[in-house]
């Protein structure tokens, strides 16, 4: 497990503990339930990554970064820098997948 991944797991655990500490005795807000669910899913994803081989970790991290970059695409006038970022991430992801597939 990389130091970065261990740090991310630690941060998500901390955020999850903080969210759970905010649960009132009655009438739990839907937004808080959604936040806790999201944090639990993120924690499970990160912990699964921690057990994966390094190439799989890199692929998963790149897929996440690519999804985040694609989510930033505006409906109109896509910035050239964002297109370049997505292209670079996509190329790096393809190279890692090819490396993984050739090792299998």
Protein backbone atom coordinates (compact mmCIF):
# COMPACT_ATOMS: atom_id res chain seq x y z
CA UNK A 1 0.00 0.00 0.00
CA UNK A 2 1.33 3.41 -0.90
CA UNK A 3 1.69 6.20 1.64
CA UNK A 4 -0.78 8.27 -0.37
CA UNK A 5 -3.37 5.51 -0.24
CA UNK A 6 -2.85 4.98 3.48
CA UNK A 7 -3.29 8.72 4.03
CA UNK A 8 -6.50 8.74 1.97
CA UNK A 9 -7.88 5.81 3.97
CA UNK A 10 -7.02 7.61 7.20
CA UNK A 11 -8.71 10.82 6.03
CA UNK A 12 -11.88 9.02 4.95
CA UNK A 13 -12.03 7.15 8.27
CA UNK A 14 -11.68 10.48 10.10
CA UNK A 15 -14.39 12.14 8.00
CA UNK A 16 -16.66 9.13 8.54
CA UNK A 17 -16.14 9.27 12.31
CA UNK A 18 -16.88 13.00 12.29
CA UNK A 19 -20.06 12.48 10.25
CA UNK A 20 -21.24 9.70 12.56
CA UNK A 21 -20.58 11.93 15.57
CA UNK A 22 -23.02 14.48 14.08
CA UNK A 23 -25.92 12.01 14.04
CA UNK A 24 -28.68 13.41 16.25
CA UNK A 25 -30.75 11.14 18.49
CA UNK A 26 -33.89 11.81 16.46
CA UNK A 27 -34.72 12.70 12.86
CA UNK A 28 -31.43 12.06 11.06
CA UNK A 29 -31.13 14.46 8.11
CA UNK A 30 -31.14 12.74 4.71
CA UNK A 31 -28.05 14.70 3.68
CA UNK A 32 -26.11 13.26 6.62
CA UNK A 33 -27.20 9.72 5.76
CA UNK A 34 -26.10 10.29 2.16
CA UNK A 35 -22.76 11.69 3.32
CA UNK A 36 -22.13 8.67 5.54
CA UNK A 37 -23.11 6.28 2.73
CA UNK A 38 -20.74 8.04 0.33
CA UNK A 39 -17.90 7.94 2.84
CA UNK A 40 -18.46 4.25 3.55
CA UNK A 41 -18.40 3.49 -0.19
CA UNK A 42 -15.21 5.52 -0.62
CA UNK A 43 -13.60 3.73 2.31
CA UNK A 44 -14.51 0.32 0.86
CA UNK A 45 -13.09 1.37 -2.52
CA UNK A 46 -9.84 2.58 -0.98
CA UNK A 47 -9.46 -0.51 1.17
CA UNK A 48 -10.00 -2.72 -1.89
CA UNK A 49 -7.31 -0.72 -3.67
CA UNK A 50 -4.96 -1.26 -0.75
CA UNK A 51 -5.16 -5.01 -1.37
CA UNK A 52 -4.71 -4.71 -5.14
CA UNK A 53 -1.44 -4.98 -7.01
CA UNK A 54 0.36 -1.70 -7.83
CA UNK A 55 -0.70 -1.57 -11.49
CA UNK A 56 -4.34 -2.13 -10.51
CA UNK A 57 -3.99 0.65 -7.94
CA UNK A 58 -2.63 3.01 -10.57
CA UNK A 59 -5.39 2.06 -13.01
CA UNK A 60 -8.08 2.65 -10.39
CA UNK A 61 -6.59 6.01 -9.39
CA UNK A 62 -6.38 7.11 -13.03
CA UNK A 63 -9.96 5.97 -13.69
CA UNK A 64 -11.06 8.07 -10.72
CA UNK A 65 -9.11 11.13 -11.91
CA UNK A 66 -10.48 10.68 -15.43
CA UNK A 67 -14.05 10.46 -14.13
CA UNK A 68 -13.50 13.61 -12.07
CA UNK A 69 -12.06 15.44 -15.09
CA UNK A 70 -14.98 14.37 -17.29
CA UNK A 71 -17.40 15.55 -14.61
CA UNK A 72 -15.89 19.03 -14.95
CA UNK A 73 -16.77 19.28 -18.65
CA UNK A 74 -19.16 22.21 -19.07
CA UNK A 75 -22.10 21.99 -21.46
CA UNK A 76 -20.62 24.68 -23.70
CA UNK A 77 -17.14 25.89 -24.57
CA UNK A 78 -14.96 23.10 -23.18
CA UNK A 79 -11.58 24.57 -22.13
CA UNK A 80 -8.63 23.30 -24.16
CA UNK A 81 -6.68 22.61 -20.97
CA UNK A 82 -9.41 20.27 -19.75
CA UNK A 83 -9.46 18.42 -23.07
CA UNK A 84 -5.68 18.04 -22.88
CA UNK A 85 -5.91 16.78 -19.29
CA UNK A 86 -8.52 14.19 -20.26
CA UNK A 87 -6.48 13.10 -23.27
CA UNK A 88 -3.34 12.71 -21.14
CA UNK A 89 -5.18 10.72 -18.48
CA UNK A 90 -6.78 8.54 -21.13
CA UNK A 91 -3.43 7.81 -22.78
CA UNK A 92 -1.79 7.00 -19.45
CA UNK A 93 -4.69 4.73 -18.56
CA UNK A 94 -4.44 2.88 -21.88
CA UNK A 95 -0.71 2.38 -21.37
CA UNK A 96 -1.23 0.96 -17.87
CA UNK A 97 -3.97 -1.36 -19.09
CA UNK A 98 -1.71 -2.58 -21.89
CA UNK A 99 1.10 -3.15 -19.37
CA UNK A 100 -1.30 -5.09 -17.10
CA UNK A 101 -2.62 -7.17 -19.99
CA UNK A 102 0.87 -8.04 -21.26
CA UNK A 103 1.90 -9.18 -17.77
CA UNK A 104 -1.08 -11.56 -17.56
